[in-house]
Amino acid sequence: MIFVLALLSVATVASANPFPKGNAQAGQKLFEKYDCNSCHNSMMGGDGNKIFTRIDRRRNSPEELIDQISMCSGNVKAHFTPQETQDLAAYLNIFYKFK
């Protein structure tokens, strides 16, 4: 019985993180390095981070966030590796709170 409970708690923790291979700290550094908020700031009245928490946000799943990162990479002239994309998604999930 204890073994089953332990497995369930591990499964719950694993499912709580949609980007388990991502490193949020590395993602934050990339976000800052490429000045990702440069586009967001003009759209959100100077506070680019509001784009992630607005009620009518366009990305509502981890998969959609990954797609958006790929689309935005061209705006900042970046070619993110799959790992960098996971890192950025892990960082942005601080705002999105996907599970």
Protein backbone atom coordinates (compact mmCIF):
# COMPACT_ATOMS: atom_id res chain seq x y z
CA MET A 1 0.00 0.00 0.00
CA ILE A 2 2.78 2.45 0.86
CA PHE A 3 4.45 1.66 -2.47
CA VAL A 4 1.25 2.53 -4.36
CA LEU A 5 0.93 5.85 -2.49
CA ALA A 6 4.55 6.67 -3.25
CA LEU A 7 4.00 5.98 -6.95
CA LEU A 8 0.89 8.14 -6.99
CA SER A 9 2.68 11.06 -5.36
CA VAL A 10 5.57 10.80 -7.86
CA ALA A 11 3.08 10.71 -10.74
CA THR A 12 1.29 13.76 -9.36
CA VAL A 13 4.52 15.74 -9.08
CA ALA A 14 5.58 14.72 -12.59
CA SER A 15 2.23 15.73 -14.08
CA ALA A 16 2.37 19.10 -12.31
CA ASN A 17 5.28 20.21 -14.51
CA PRO A 18 4.48 20.30 -18.22
CA PHE A 19 8.12 21.16 -19.05
CA PRO A 20 10.13 18.68 -16.95
CA LYS A 21 13.20 19.01 -19.17
CA GLY A 22 13.18 22.79 -18.95
CA ASN A 23 15.21 24.93 -16.59
CA ALA A 24 13.29 28.09 -15.63
CA GLN A 25 16.45 29.96 -14.57
CA ALA A 26 18.10 29.28 -17.92
CA GLY A 27 14.86 30.31 -19.62
CA GLN A 28 14.79 33.60 -17.75
CA LYS A 29 18.34 34.34 -18.89
CA LEU A 30 17.36 33.65 -22.50
CA PHE A 31 14.24 35.79 -22.12
CA GLU A 32 16.40 38.67 -20.90
CA LYS A 33 19.25 38.08 -23.36
CA TYR A 34 16.93 38.26 -26.37
CA ASP A 35 14.84 41.08 -24.84
CA CYS A 36 11.68 39.09 -25.46
CA ASN A 37 9.56 41.76 -23.83
CA SER A 38 10.61 44.31 -26.47
CA CYS A 39 7.51 43.43 -28.52
CA HIS A 40 5.27 42.80 -25.54
CA ASN A 41 6.01 46.18 -23.92
CA SER A 42 4.50 48.16 -26.79
CA MET A 43 1.46 45.88 -26.94
CA MET A 44 0.82 46.00 -23.19
CA GLY A 45 1.39 49.66 -22.36
CA GLY A 46 4.93 49.28 -21.11
CA ASP A 47 4.60 46.14 -18.95
CA GLY A 48 5.28 43.27 -21.32
CA ASN A 49 4.73 40.61 -18.67
CA LYS A 50 1.01 41.45 -18.67
CA ILE A 51 0.76 39.63 -21.98
CA PHE A 52 1.10 36.34 -20.12
CA THR A 53 -1.63 36.95 -17.57
CA ARG A 54 -4.28 38.79 -19.59
CA ILE A 55 -7.73 37.23 -19.55
CA ASP A 56 -7.91 36.89 -23.33
CA ARG A 57 -4.48 35.33 -23.79
CA ARG A 58 -4.09 33.24 -26.91
CA ARG A 59 -2.05 30.38 -25.49
CA ASN A 60 -3.94 28.07 -23.17
CA SER A 61 -1.92 24.88 -23.16
CA PRO A 62 1.73 23.85 -22.90
CA GLU A 63 1.73 22.84 -26.58
CA GLU A 64 0.39 26.24 -27.65
CA LEU A 65 3.07 27.97 -25.58
CA ILE A 66 5.80 25.96 -27.32
CA ASP A 67 4.30 26.96 -30.69
CA GLN A 68 4.26 30.62 -29.65
CA ILE A 69 7.89 30.52 -28.56
CA SER A 70 8.78 29.15 -31.99
CA MET A 71 6.81 31.92 -33.69
CA CYS A 72 8.31 34.66 -31.50
CA SER A 73 11.87 33.46 -31.99
CA GLY A 74 11.89 35.09 -35.41
CA ASN A 75 10.91 38.43 -33.87
CA VAL A 76 14.05 38.43 -31.75
CA LYS A 77 16.21 36.83 -34.45
CA ALA A 78 16.90 33.74 -32.37
CA HIS A 79 17.13 30.12 -33.34
CA PHE A 80 16.28 28.34 -30.11
CA THR A 81 17.35 24.76 -29.70
CA PRO A 82 14.75 22.29 -28.40
CA GLN A 83 16.39 22.58 -24.97
CA GLU A 84 16.26 26.37 -25.03
CA THR A 85 12.61 26.20 -26.00
CA GLN A 86 11.91 23.95 -23.02
CA ASP A 87 13.87 26.33 -20.78
CA LEU A 88 11.89 29.33 -22.01
CA ALA A 89 8.62 27.46 -21.59
CA ALA A 90 9.58 26.45 -18.04
CA TYR A 91 10.30 30.10 -17.25
CA LEU A 92 7.11 31.39 -18.87
CA ASN A 93 5.11 28.78 -17.03
CA ILE A 94 5.73 30.88 -13.91
CA PHE A 95 3.12 33.18 -15.46
CA TYR A 96 0.92 30.62 -17.24
CA LYS A 97 0.83 28.03 -14.46
CA PHE A 98 0.11 25.10 -16.77
CA LYS A 99 -0.05 21.66 -15.14
